[in-house]
């Protein structure tokens, strides 16, 4: 089984090529500018380093949010184009679940992305990446019941947050057997409407 994994949902991008449960290529690097132009050469470099081509990929997994609006779109678009070209479906996965692959000794892992004004995009996971509280847009303080037995994982400067150490293999192993989605049906999952969309709804009400 050959899998291509993509995550551009934050400034820390990940590209991995996995074959039969082993990482054959791994790129994890901070990219704060020109994410769109950087990713295709990174993917090409990955396939230059493995003894097969993108046409041999069995599954494509892509992080489809929540996260940076532009970043999420970049990863999803690349995944859709590749999937269409090699006639494969896509397994979309959560950026919060990916953050939750960080190794901790806590009962709960609480991945968070700062949504500002006291709100976060967050979920609660156990050590096996099972969802305890579904990913959602939620007030930071509303998660306090999990803090005593949990570890907050975030790239952002949030109270009590631990920086992530992303485990691609754990992520792929957990979700590789999820039901794939036709490439044209995969969309970003922002968990919240954009400010422009919210203003338009208020205007139309």
N, C-alpha and C. Protein backbone atom coordinates (compact mmCIF):
# COMPACT_ATOMS: atom_id res chain seq x y z
N UNK A 1 0.85 -1.20 0.00
CA UNK A 1 0.00 0.00 0.00
C UNK A 1 0.88 1.25 0.00
N UNK A 2 0.68 2.08 -0.99
CA UNK A 2 1.46 3.32 -1.12
C UNK A 2 0.53 4.51 -0.90
N UNK A 3 0.92 5.41 0.01
CA UNK A 3 0.06 6.53 0.40
C UNK A 3 0.84 7.83 0.33
N UNK A 4 0.21 8.83 -0.24
CA UNK A 4 0.74 10.20 -0.22
C UNK A 4 -0.06 11.01 0.78
N UNK A 5 0.64 11.63 1.74
CA UNK A 5 0.00 12.43 2.79
C UNK A 5 0.42 13.89 2.63
N UNK A 6 -0.57 14.79 2.65
CA UNK A 6 -0.31 16.23 2.48
C UNK A 6 -0.97 17.04 3.58
N UNK A 7 -0.22 18.00 4.11
CA UNK A 7 -0.80 18.96 5.06
C UNK A 7 -0.20 20.33 4.83
N UNK A 8 -1.04 21.27 4.40
CA UNK A 8 -0.61 22.66 4.25
C UNK A 8 -1.54 23.59 5.03
N UNK A 9 -2.16 23.05 6.08
CA UNK A 9 -3.19 23.81 6.79
C UNK A 9 -2.62 24.89 7.71
N UNK A 10 -1.31 24.85 7.94
CA UNK A 10 -0.66 25.88 8.75
C UNK A 10 0.64 26.26 8.06
N UNK A 11 1.44 27.10 8.71
CA UNK A 11 2.73 27.48 8.13
C UNK A 11 3.74 26.34 8.21
N UNK A 12 3.40 25.26 8.92
CA UNK A 12 4.28 24.10 9.04
C UNK A 12 3.74 23.00 8.12
N UNK A 13 4.38 22.85 6.97
CA UNK A 13 3.86 21.94 5.94
C UNK A 13 4.43 20.53 6.11
N UNK A 14 3.63 19.54 5.73
CA UNK A 14 4.06 18.14 5.76
C UNK A 14 3.73 17.47 4.44
N UNK A 15 4.71 16.78 3.89
CA UNK A 15 4.51 15.88 2.75
C UNK A 15 5.17 14.57 3.12
N UNK A 16 4.43 13.48 3.02
CA UNK A 16 5.00 12.17 3.33
C UNK A 16 4.57 11.15 2.29
N UNK A 17 5.47 10.26 1.97
CA UNK A 17 5.16 9.12 1.12
C UNK A 17 5.41 7.87 1.95
N UNK A 18 4.38 7.08 2.11
CA UNK A 18 4.44 5.89 2.96
C UNK A 18 4.19 4.66 2.10
N UNK A 19 4.99 3.64 2.33
CA UNK A 19 4.80 2.36 1.64
C UNK A 19 4.75 1.23 2.66
N UNK A 20 3.65 0.51 2.69
CA UNK A 20 3.49 -0.64 3.58
C UNK A 20 3.86 -0.31 5.03
N UNK A 21 3.35 0.82 5.51
CA UNK A 21 3.54 1.20 6.90
C UNK A 21 4.90 1.78 7.23
N UNK A 22 5.70 2.10 6.22
CA UNK A 22 7.02 2.69 6.46
C UNK A 22 7.15 4.01 5.70
N UNK A 23 7.70 5.00 6.37
CA UNK A 23 7.89 6.30 5.72
C UNK A 23 9.09 6.23 4.78
N UNK A 24 8.83 6.48 3.52
CA UNK A 24 9.88 6.45 2.50
C UNK A 24 10.41 7.86 2.21
N UNK A 25 9.57 8.86 2.46
CA UNK A 25 9.98 10.25 2.27
C UNK A 25 9.18 11.10 3.24
N UNK A 26 9.86 12.05 3.88
CA UNK A 26 9.17 12.94 4.82
C UNK A 26 9.74 14.34 4.72
N UNK A 27 8.85 15.29 4.47
CA UNK A 27 9.19 16.71 4.48
C UNK A 27 8.31 17.38 5.53
N UNK A 28 8.91 17.98 6.52
CA UNK A 28 8.18 18.77 7.52
C UNK A 28 8.99 20.03 7.77
N UNK A 29 8.43 21.16 7.34
CA UNK A 29 9.20 22.39 7.39
C UNK A 29 8.28 23.60 7.48
N UNK A 30 8.76 24.62 8.16
CA UNK A 30 8.00 25.87 8.26
C UNK A 30 8.08 26.61 6.92
N UNK A 31 6.93 26.94 6.39
CA UNK A 31 6.86 27.71 5.14
C UNK A 31 5.88 28.86 5.38
N UNK A 32 6.40 30.04 5.57
CA UNK A 32 5.53 31.18 5.87
C UNK A 32 5.17 31.98 4.62
N UNK A 33 5.91 31.78 3.54
CA UNK A 33 5.63 32.51 2.31
C UNK A 33 5.68 31.55 1.13
N UNK A 34 4.88 31.85 0.11
CA UNK A 34 4.90 31.10 -1.16
C UNK A 34 4.62 29.62 -0.98
N UNK A 35 3.67 29.29 -0.09
CA UNK A 35 3.31 27.90 0.13
C UNK A 35 2.90 27.23 -1.19
N UNK A 36 2.11 27.92 -1.98
CA UNK A 36 1.59 27.34 -3.22
C UNK A 36 2.72 26.96 -4.17
N UNK A 37 3.68 27.83 -4.34
CA UNK A 37 4.77 27.56 -5.29
C UNK A 37 5.77 26.55 -4.74
N UNK A 38 5.86 26.40 -3.44
CA UNK A 38 6.83 25.49 -2.84
C UNK A 38 6.38 24.03 -2.86
N UNK A 39 5.08 23.79 -2.77
CA UNK A 39 4.62 22.43 -2.49
C UNK A 39 4.83 21.45 -3.65
N UNK A 40 4.55 21.86 -4.86
CA UNK A 40 4.71 20.93 -5.98
C UNK A 40 6.16 20.47 -6.15
N UNK A 41 7.15 21.37 -6.06
CA UNK A 41 8.54 20.90 -6.11
C UNK A 41 8.90 19.96 -4.96
N UNK A 42 8.32 20.19 -3.78
CA UNK A 42 8.57 19.30 -2.65
C UNK A 42 8.02 17.90 -2.93
N UNK A 43 6.81 17.86 -3.47
CA UNK A 43 6.21 16.56 -3.82
C UNK A 43 7.02 15.86 -4.90
N UNK A 44 7.45 16.62 -5.90
CA UNK A 44 8.27 16.03 -6.96
C UNK A 44 9.57 15.48 -6.41
N UNK A 45 10.20 16.22 -5.50
CA UNK A 45 11.43 15.76 -4.88
C UNK A 45 11.21 14.46 -4.12
N UNK A 46 10.04 14.36 -3.47
CA UNK A 46 9.71 13.13 -2.77
C UNK A 46 9.68 11.93 -3.69
N UNK A 47 9.04 12.09 -4.83
CA UNK A 47 8.96 10.97 -5.77
C UNK A 47 10.29 10.70 -6.48
N UNK A 48 11.17 11.69 -6.48
CA UNK A 48 12.52 11.45 -7.00
C UNK A 48 13.32 10.54 -6.08
N UNK A 49 12.90 10.48 -4.81
CA UNK A 49 13.66 9.73 -3.81
C UNK A 49 13.08 8.35 -3.51
N UNK A 50 11.99 7.99 -4.15
CA UNK A 50 11.40 6.66 -3.93
C UNK A 50 11.38 5.89 -5.26
N UNK A 51 11.36 4.56 -5.19
CA UNK A 51 11.46 3.76 -6.42
C UNK A 51 10.12 3.52 -7.12
N UNK A 52 9.25 4.51 -7.07
CA UNK A 52 7.97 4.43 -7.80
C UNK A 52 7.50 5.84 -8.08
N UNK A 53 6.45 5.96 -8.87
CA UNK A 53 5.96 7.27 -9.29
C UNK A 53 4.62 7.58 -8.64
N UNK A 54 4.16 8.80 -8.85
CA UNK A 54 2.86 9.19 -8.31
C UNK A 54 1.74 8.32 -8.87
N UNK A 55 1.93 7.78 -10.06
CA UNK A 55 0.91 6.91 -10.66
C UNK A 55 0.74 5.59 -9.91
N UNK A 56 1.72 5.26 -9.08
CA UNK A 56 1.66 4.01 -8.31
C UNK A 56 0.98 4.19 -6.95
N UNK A 57 0.63 5.43 -6.61
CA UNK A 57 0.01 5.71 -5.31
C UNK A 57 -1.37 5.06 -5.23
N UNK A 58 -1.63 4.41 -4.11
CA UNK A 58 -2.93 3.77 -3.90
C UNK A 58 -3.94 4.70 -3.25
N UNK A 59 -3.44 5.56 -2.35
CA UNK A 59 -4.34 6.47 -1.63
C UNK A 59 -3.67 7.82 -1.43
N UNK A 60 -4.50 8.85 -1.46
CA UNK A 60 -4.04 10.21 -1.13
C UNK A 60 -4.80 10.66 0.11
N UNK A 61 -4.06 11.09 1.12
CA UNK A 61 -4.67 11.65 2.33
C UNK A 61 -4.30 13.12 2.39
N UNK A 62 -5.29 13.97 2.66
CA UNK A 62 -5.01 15.40 2.76
C UNK A 62 -5.72 15.99 3.97
N UNK A 63 -5.01 16.85 4.67
CA UNK A 63 -5.61 17.60 5.77
C UNK A 63 -6.46 18.70 5.15
N UNK A 64 -7.76 18.68 5.44
CA UNK A 64 -8.67 19.64 4.82
C UNK A 64 -9.23 20.65 5.83
N UNK A 65 -8.55 20.81 6.95
CA UNK A 65 -8.92 21.85 7.89
C UNK A 65 -9.26 21.29 9.26
N UNK A 66 -9.54 22.21 10.17
CA UNK A 66 -9.47 23.66 10.03
C UNK A 66 -8.03 24.16 9.97
N UNK A 67 -7.89 25.45 9.68
CA UNK A 67 -6.56 26.03 9.59
C UNK A 67 -6.59 27.29 8.76
N UNK A 68 -5.42 27.64 8.25
CA UNK A 68 -5.30 28.81 7.39
C UNK A 68 -6.21 28.66 6.17
N UNK A 69 -7.02 29.67 5.89
CA UNK A 69 -7.95 29.58 4.76
C UNK A 69 -7.18 29.33 3.46
N UNK A 70 -6.11 30.07 3.25
CA UNK A 70 -5.32 29.89 2.03
C UNK A 70 -4.58 28.56 2.07
N UNK A 71 -3.96 28.24 3.19
CA UNK A 71 -3.18 27.02 3.31
C UNK A 71 -4.02 25.77 3.07
N UNK A 72 -5.19 25.72 3.68
CA UNK A 72 -6.06 24.56 3.49
C UNK A 72 -6.44 24.40 2.02
N UNK A 73 -6.76 25.50 1.37
CA UNK A 73 -7.14 25.44 -0.05
C UNK A 73 -6.00 24.92 -0.91
N UNK A 74 -4.78 25.30 -0.58
CA UNK A 74 -3.63 24.85 -1.36
C UNK A 74 -3.51 23.33 -1.31
N UNK A 75 -3.54 22.78 -0.10
CA UNK A 75 -3.40 21.33 0.05
C UNK A 75 -4.54 20.57 -0.60
N UNK A 76 -5.75 21.05 -0.40
CA UNK A 76 -6.92 20.37 -0.98
C UNK A 76 -6.87 20.43 -2.51
N UNK A 77 -6.50 21.57 -3.05
CA UNK A 77 -6.43 21.71 -4.51
C UNK A 77 -5.38 20.79 -5.10
N UNK A 78 -4.21 20.74 -4.49
CA UNK A 78 -3.15 19.85 -4.99
C UNK A 78 -3.61 18.40 -4.93
N UNK A 79 -4.21 18.01 -3.82
CA UNK A 79 -4.69 16.64 -3.67
C UNK A 79 -5.75 16.30 -4.72
N UNK A 80 -6.65 17.23 -4.99
CA UNK A 80 -7.71 16.98 -5.96
C UNK A 80 -7.15 16.82 -7.38
N UNK A 81 -6.20 17.66 -7.72
CA UNK A 81 -5.60 17.58 -9.06
C UNK A 81 -4.84 16.26 -9.22
N UNK A 82 -4.05 15.90 -8.22
CA UNK A 82 -3.31 14.64 -8.29
C UNK A 82 -4.25 13.45 -8.34
N UNK A 83 -5.27 13.47 -7.47
CA UNK A 83 -6.23 12.36 -7.43
C UNK A 83 -6.96 12.21 -8.75
N UNK A 84 -7.35 13.32 -9.35
CA UNK A 84 -8.03 13.28 -10.65
C UNK A 84 -7.10 12.72 -11.72
N UNK A 85 -5.83 13.12 -11.67
CA UNK A 85 -4.90 12.70 -12.73
C UNK A 85 -4.56 11.22 -12.65
N UNK A 86 -4.57 10.64 -11.44
CA UNK A 86 -4.24 9.21 -11.32
C UNK A 86 -5.48 8.36 -11.03
N UNK A 87 -6.64 9.02 -11.11
CA UNK A 87 -7.92 8.32 -10.95
C UNK A 87 -8.05 7.61 -9.60
N UNK A 88 -7.75 8.37 -8.54
CA UNK A 88 -7.88 7.86 -7.18
C UNK A 88 -8.80 8.78 -6.38
N UNK A 89 -9.43 8.22 -5.35
CA UNK A 89 -10.20 9.04 -4.42
C UNK A 89 -9.28 9.58 -3.33
N UNK A 90 -9.86 10.39 -2.45
CA UNK A 90 -9.09 11.07 -1.41
C UNK A 90 -9.66 10.74 -0.05
N UNK A 91 -8.77 10.63 0.94
CA UNK A 91 -9.19 10.51 2.33
C UNK A 91 -8.89 11.84 3.02
N UNK A 92 -9.91 12.68 3.26
CA UNK A 92 -9.68 13.94 3.98
C UNK A 92 -9.57 13.68 5.48
N UNK A 93 -8.65 14.38 6.13
CA UNK A 93 -8.43 14.19 7.57
C UNK A 93 -8.30 15.55 8.25
N UNK A 94 -8.48 15.55 9.56
CA UNK A 94 -8.53 16.77 10.35
C UNK A 94 -7.14 17.25 10.77
N UNK A 95 -6.93 18.55 10.67
CA UNK A 95 -5.69 19.13 11.19
C UNK A 95 -5.59 18.98 12.70
N UNK A 96 -6.73 19.00 13.38
CA UNK A 96 -6.73 18.84 14.84
C UNK A 96 -6.33 17.41 15.22
N UNK A 97 -6.80 16.43 14.47
CA UNK A 97 -6.37 15.06 14.72
C UNK A 97 -4.87 14.93 14.51
N UNK A 98 -4.35 15.61 13.50
CA UNK A 98 -2.91 15.56 13.23
C UNK A 98 -2.13 16.17 14.40
N UNK A 99 -2.60 17.29 14.92
CA UNK A 99 -1.96 17.87 16.11
C UNK A 99 -2.00 16.89 17.28
N UNK A 100 -3.09 16.12 17.36
CA UNK A 100 -3.28 15.18 18.47
C UNK A 100 -2.37 13.97 18.40
N UNK A 101 -1.59 13.83 17.32
CA UNK A 101 -0.63 12.73 17.26
C UNK A 101 0.59 13.00 18.14
N UNK A 102 0.71 14.21 18.66
CA UNK A 102 1.82 14.56 19.56
C UNK A 102 1.80 13.65 20.78
N UNK A 103 2.94 13.09 21.10
CA UNK A 103 3.04 12.15 22.21
C UNK A 103 2.94 12.87 23.55
N UNK A 104 2.02 12.43 24.37
CA UNK A 104 1.87 12.97 25.73
C UNK A 104 1.56 11.83 26.69
N UNK A 105 1.63 12.13 27.98
CA UNK A 105 1.28 11.14 28.99
C UNK A 105 -0.13 11.36 29.52
N UNK A 106 -0.84 12.31 28.96
CA UNK A 106 -2.15 12.69 29.46
C UNK A 106 -3.25 11.76 28.97
N UNK A 107 -4.35 11.73 29.69
CA UNK A 107 -5.52 10.95 29.28
C UNK A 107 -6.11 11.53 28.00
N UNK A 108 -6.14 12.86 27.93
CA UNK A 108 -6.73 13.55 26.78
C UNK A 108 -5.67 14.39 26.08
N UNK A 109 -5.78 14.47 24.77
CA UNK A 109 -5.00 15.41 23.97
C UNK A 109 -5.99 16.43 23.43
N UNK A 110 -5.69 17.71 23.62
CA UNK A 110 -6.62 18.78 23.25
C UNK A 110 -5.95 19.67 22.20
N UNK A 111 -6.07 19.32 20.93
CA UNK A 111 -5.49 20.15 19.88
C UNK A 111 -6.30 21.43 19.68
N UNK A 112 -5.58 22.53 19.50
CA UNK A 112 -6.27 23.83 19.36
C UNK A 112 -5.62 24.69 18.29
N UNK A 113 -6.46 25.46 17.62
CA UNK A 113 -6.00 26.51 16.72
C UNK A 113 -6.68 27.80 17.16
N UNK A 114 -5.92 28.84 17.36
CA UNK A 114 -6.46 30.10 17.84
C UNK A 114 -7.43 30.70 16.82
N UNK A 115 -8.67 30.96 17.23
CA UNK A 115 -9.66 31.59 16.37
C UNK A 115 -9.93 33.03 16.80
N UNK A 116 -9.20 33.49 17.83
CA UNK A 116 -9.25 34.88 18.32
C UNK A 116 -10.51 35.17 19.13
N UNK A 117 -10.41 36.23 19.89
CA UNK A 117 -11.52 36.72 20.73
C UNK A 117 -12.01 35.66 21.70
N UNK A 118 -11.07 34.85 22.21
CA UNK A 118 -11.43 33.85 23.21
C UNK A 118 -11.97 32.56 22.64
N UNK A 119 -11.96 32.43 21.34
CA UNK A 119 -12.46 31.21 20.70
C UNK A 119 -11.30 30.43 20.05
N UNK A 120 -11.52 29.14 19.92
CA UNK A 120 -10.53 28.27 19.28
C UNK A 120 -11.25 27.26 18.39
N UNK A 121 -10.51 26.69 17.46
CA UNK A 121 -10.93 25.48 16.77
C UNK A 121 -10.28 24.35 17.56
N UNK A 122 -11.06 23.45 18.07
CA UNK A 122 -10.50 22.44 18.96
C UNK A 122 -11.32 21.17 18.94
N UNK A 123 -10.68 20.12 19.41
CA UNK A 123 -11.34 18.85 19.66
C UNK A 123 -10.66 18.22 20.86
N UNK A 124 -11.17 17.10 21.30
CA UNK A 124 -10.52 16.34 22.37
C UNK A 124 -10.37 14.90 21.89
N UNK A 125 -9.17 14.36 22.02
CA UNK A 125 -8.85 13.01 21.57
C UNK A 125 -8.25 12.20 22.69
N UNK A 126 -8.36 10.87 22.59
CA UNK A 126 -7.64 10.01 23.52
C UNK A 126 -6.32 9.59 22.89
N UNK A 127 -5.58 8.74 23.57
CA UNK A 127 -4.25 8.36 23.11
C UNK A 127 -4.27 7.58 21.79
N UNK A 128 -5.41 6.99 21.46
CA UNK A 128 -5.52 6.22 20.21
C UNK A 128 -6.12 7.06 19.08
N UNK A 129 -6.22 8.37 19.30
CA UNK A 129 -6.80 9.30 18.32
C UNK A 129 -8.30 9.11 18.13
N UNK A 130 -8.94 8.48 19.08
CA UNK A 130 -10.40 8.43 19.05
C UNK A 130 -10.95 9.77 19.52
N UNK A 131 -12.00 10.24 18.87
CA UNK A 131 -12.57 11.53 19.21
C UNK A 131 -13.42 11.44 20.48
N UNK A 132 -13.05 12.23 21.48
CA UNK A 132 -13.82 12.34 22.73
C UNK A 132 -14.80 13.50 22.64
N UNK A 133 -14.35 14.58 22.03
CA UNK A 133 -15.20 15.75 21.75
C UNK A 133 -14.93 16.15 20.31
N UNK A 134 -15.97 16.19 19.50
CA UNK A 134 -15.81 16.45 18.06
C UNK A 134 -15.16 17.81 17.80
N UNK A 135 -14.39 17.88 16.73
CA UNK A 135 -13.79 19.14 16.30
C UNK A 135 -14.88 20.20 16.15
N UNK A 136 -14.60 21.39 16.66
CA UNK A 136 -15.60 22.45 16.58
C UNK A 136 -14.99 23.82 16.87
N UNK A 137 -15.75 24.84 16.54
CA UNK A 137 -15.43 26.22 16.89
C UNK A 137 -16.05 26.46 18.26
N UNK A 138 -15.22 26.76 19.26
CA UNK A 138 -15.71 26.74 20.64
C UNK A 138 -14.93 27.75 21.48
N UNK A 139 -15.54 28.26 22.53
CA UNK A 139 -14.85 29.16 23.45
C UNK A 139 -13.76 28.38 24.18
N UNK A 140 -12.60 28.98 24.32
CA UNK A 140 -11.48 28.34 25.02
C UNK A 140 -11.90 27.88 26.41
N UNK A 141 -12.61 28.73 27.14
CA UNK A 141 -13.00 28.40 28.51
C UNK A 141 -13.98 27.23 28.59
N UNK A 142 -14.68 26.94 27.50
CA UNK A 142 -15.65 25.84 27.50
C UNK A 142 -14.98 24.47 27.54
N UNK A 143 -13.67 24.45 27.35
CA UNK A 143 -12.93 23.19 27.34
C UNK A 143 -12.25 22.89 28.68
N UNK A 144 -12.47 23.74 29.67
CA UNK A 144 -11.72 23.64 30.93
C UNK A 144 -11.90 22.31 31.64
N UNK A 145 -13.05 21.65 31.45
CA UNK A 145 -13.28 20.38 32.15
C UNK A 145 -12.29 19.30 31.72
N UNK A 146 -11.63 19.50 30.55
CA UNK A 146 -10.67 18.52 30.06
C UNK A 146 -9.23 18.87 30.42
N UNK A 147 -9.01 20.10 30.95
CA UNK A 147 -7.65 20.57 31.14
C UNK A 147 -6.87 19.76 32.18
N UNK A 148 -7.52 19.37 33.26
CA UNK A 148 -6.81 18.69 34.34
C UNK A 148 -6.21 17.36 33.87
N UNK A 149 -6.95 16.64 33.03
CA UNK A 149 -6.48 15.34 32.55
C UNK A 149 -5.98 15.40 31.11
N UNK A 150 -5.74 16.60 30.60
CA UNK A 150 -5.37 16.73 29.20
C UNK A 150 -4.17 17.61 28.97
N UNK A 151 -3.65 17.54 27.77
CA UNK A 151 -2.55 18.40 27.33
C UNK A 151 -3.01 19.17 26.11
N UNK A 152 -2.90 20.49 26.17
CA UNK A 152 -3.25 21.34 25.03
C UNK A 152 -2.08 21.35 24.04
N UNK A 153 -2.38 21.07 22.79
CA UNK A 153 -1.37 21.06 21.73
C UNK A 153 -1.73 22.14 20.73
N UNK A 154 -0.80 23.05 20.46
CA UNK A 154 -1.10 24.13 19.52
C UNK A 154 0.18 24.74 18.97
N UNK A 155 0.12 25.13 17.71
CA UNK A 155 1.20 25.92 17.10
C UNK A 155 1.14 27.36 17.58
N UNK A 156 -0.02 27.77 18.09
CA UNK A 156 -0.25 29.16 18.45
C UNK A 156 0.14 29.43 19.91
N UNK A 157 0.25 30.70 20.22
CA UNK A 157 0.63 31.12 21.56
C UNK A 157 -0.61 31.17 22.45
N UNK A 158 -1.12 30.00 22.80
CA UNK A 158 -2.31 29.88 23.64
C UNK A 158 -1.90 29.50 25.06
N UNK A 159 -2.70 29.86 26.07
CA UNK A 159 -2.36 29.53 27.45
C UNK A 159 -2.16 28.02 27.63
N UNK A 160 -1.09 27.65 28.29
CA UNK A 160 -0.78 26.26 28.66
C UNK A 160 -0.49 25.35 27.48
N UNK A 161 -0.30 25.91 26.30
CA UNK A 161 -0.15 25.07 25.10
C UNK A 161 1.26 24.50 24.98
N UNK A 162 1.30 23.23 24.54
CA UNK A 162 2.55 22.55 24.21
C UNK A 162 2.68 22.52 22.69
N UNK A 163 3.88 22.78 22.20
CA UNK A 163 4.10 22.75 20.75
C UNK A 163 4.01 21.32 20.22
N UNK A 164 3.42 21.14 19.05
CA UNK A 164 3.21 19.79 18.52
C UNK A 164 4.49 19.15 18.02
N UNK A 165 4.52 17.83 18.09
CA UNK A 165 5.52 17.01 17.40
C UNK A 165 4.72 15.99 16.59
N UNK A 166 4.49 16.32 15.34
CA UNK A 166 3.53 15.60 14.52
C UNK A 166 4.05 14.23 14.10
N UNK A 167 3.22 13.21 14.29
CA UNK A 167 3.56 11.83 14.00
C UNK A 167 2.77 11.37 12.77
N UNK A 168 3.39 11.48 11.60
CA UNK A 168 2.70 11.16 10.35
C UNK A 168 2.25 9.70 10.31
N UNK A 169 3.12 8.81 10.76
CA UNK A 169 2.81 7.38 10.68
C UNK A 169 1.61 7.03 11.55
N UNK A 170 1.51 7.63 12.73
CA UNK A 170 0.36 7.40 13.60
C UNK A 170 -0.91 7.90 12.93
N UNK A 171 -0.82 9.04 12.28
CA UNK A 171 -1.97 9.62 11.58
C UNK A 171 -2.43 8.73 10.43
N UNK A 172 -1.49 8.31 9.62
CA UNK A 172 -1.82 7.48 8.46
C UNK A 172 -2.38 6.13 8.90
N UNK A 173 -1.75 5.53 9.90
CA UNK A 173 -2.21 4.23 10.39
C UNK A 173 -3.65 4.30 10.89
N UNK A 174 -3.98 5.40 11.57
CA UNK A 174 -5.32 5.55 12.14
C UNK A 174 -6.39 5.71 11.06
N UNK A 175 -6.08 6.48 10.03
CA UNK A 175 -7.13 6.90 9.10
C UNK A 175 -7.03 6.30 7.69
N UNK A 176 -6.05 5.47 7.42
CA UNK A 176 -5.86 5.00 6.06
C UNK A 176 -7.00 4.12 5.54
N UNK A 177 -7.77 3.56 6.45
CA UNK A 177 -8.89 2.72 6.03
C UNK A 177 -10.23 3.45 6.08
N UNK A 178 -10.20 4.76 6.30
CA UNK A 178 -11.44 5.54 6.20
C UNK A 178 -11.99 5.45 4.78
N UNK A 179 -13.30 5.63 4.68
CA UNK A 179 -13.94 5.61 3.37
C UNK A 179 -13.43 6.78 2.53
N UNK A 180 -12.85 6.52 1.36
CA UNK A 180 -12.37 7.61 0.52
C UNK A 180 -13.52 8.37 -0.12
N UNK A 181 -13.20 9.59 -0.52
CA UNK A 181 -14.20 10.49 -1.09
C UNK A 181 -13.79 10.81 -2.53
N UNK A 182 -14.74 10.82 -3.48
CA UNK A 182 -14.39 11.24 -4.84
C UNK A 182 -13.71 12.60 -4.82
N UNK A 183 -12.69 12.75 -5.64
CA UNK A 183 -11.85 13.95 -5.54
C UNK A 183 -12.63 15.25 -5.70
N UNK A 184 -13.64 15.26 -6.57
CA UNK A 184 -14.39 16.50 -6.80
C UNK A 184 -15.30 16.85 -5.62
N UNK A 185 -15.48 15.91 -4.69
CA UNK A 185 -16.36 16.16 -3.54
C UNK A 185 -15.60 16.64 -2.31
N UNK A 186 -14.28 16.67 -2.39
CA UNK A 186 -13.47 17.08 -1.23
C UNK A 186 -13.40 18.60 -1.16
N UNK A 187 -13.74 19.14 -0.01
CA UNK A 187 -13.71 20.59 0.19
C UNK A 187 -13.04 20.92 1.52
N UNK A 188 -12.55 22.15 1.66
CA UNK A 188 -12.01 22.57 2.96
C UNK A 188 -13.07 22.49 4.06
N UNK A 189 -12.64 22.15 5.25
CA UNK A 189 -13.53 22.09 6.41
C UNK A 189 -13.03 23.11 7.43
N UNK A 190 -13.61 24.31 7.35
CA UNK A 190 -13.13 25.39 8.20
C UNK A 190 -13.78 25.41 9.58
N UNK A 191 -14.85 24.65 9.77
CA UNK A 191 -15.61 24.58 11.03
C UNK A 191 -16.38 25.86 11.35
N UNK A 192 -16.14 26.90 10.61
CA UNK A 192 -16.81 28.17 10.86
C UNK A 192 -16.86 28.95 9.55
N UNK A 193 -17.95 29.65 9.34
CA UNK A 193 -18.06 30.49 8.15
C UNK A 193 -17.09 31.66 8.24
N UNK A 194 -16.67 32.13 7.08
CA UNK A 194 -15.79 33.29 7.06
C UNK A 194 -16.54 34.52 7.55
N UNK A 195 -15.78 35.53 7.95
CA UNK A 195 -16.40 36.78 8.42
C UNK A 195 -17.26 37.41 7.33
N UNK A 196 -16.80 37.32 6.09
CA UNK A 196 -17.57 37.87 4.97
C UNK A 196 -18.90 37.14 4.81
N UNK A 197 -18.87 35.81 4.96
CA UNK A 197 -20.10 35.01 4.85
C UNK A 197 -21.07 35.35 5.98
N UNK A 198 -20.53 35.53 7.18
CA UNK A 198 -21.39 35.88 8.32
C UNK A 198 -22.03 37.25 8.13
N UNK A 199 -21.27 38.21 7.64
CA UNK A 199 -21.81 39.55 7.40
C UNK A 199 -22.89 39.51 6.31
N UNK A 200 -22.67 38.67 5.29
CA UNK A 200 -23.66 38.57 4.22
C UNK A 200 -24.96 37.97 4.76
N UNK A 201 -24.86 36.98 5.64
CA UNK A 201 -26.06 36.38 6.23
C UNK A 201 -26.84 37.40 7.05
N UNK A 202 -26.10 38.20 7.83
CA UNK A 202 -26.76 39.24 8.66
C UNK A 202 -27.45 40.25 7.75
N UNK A 203 -26.79 40.61 6.67
CA UNK A 203 -27.36 41.60 5.73
C UNK A 203 -28.62 41.06 5.09
N UNK A 204 -28.64 39.75 4.78
CA UNK A 204 -29.80 39.17 4.11
C UNK A 204 -30.96 38.88 5.03
N UNK A 205 -30.70 38.84 6.35
CA UNK A 205 -31.77 38.52 7.33
C UNK A 205 -32.75 39.66 7.50
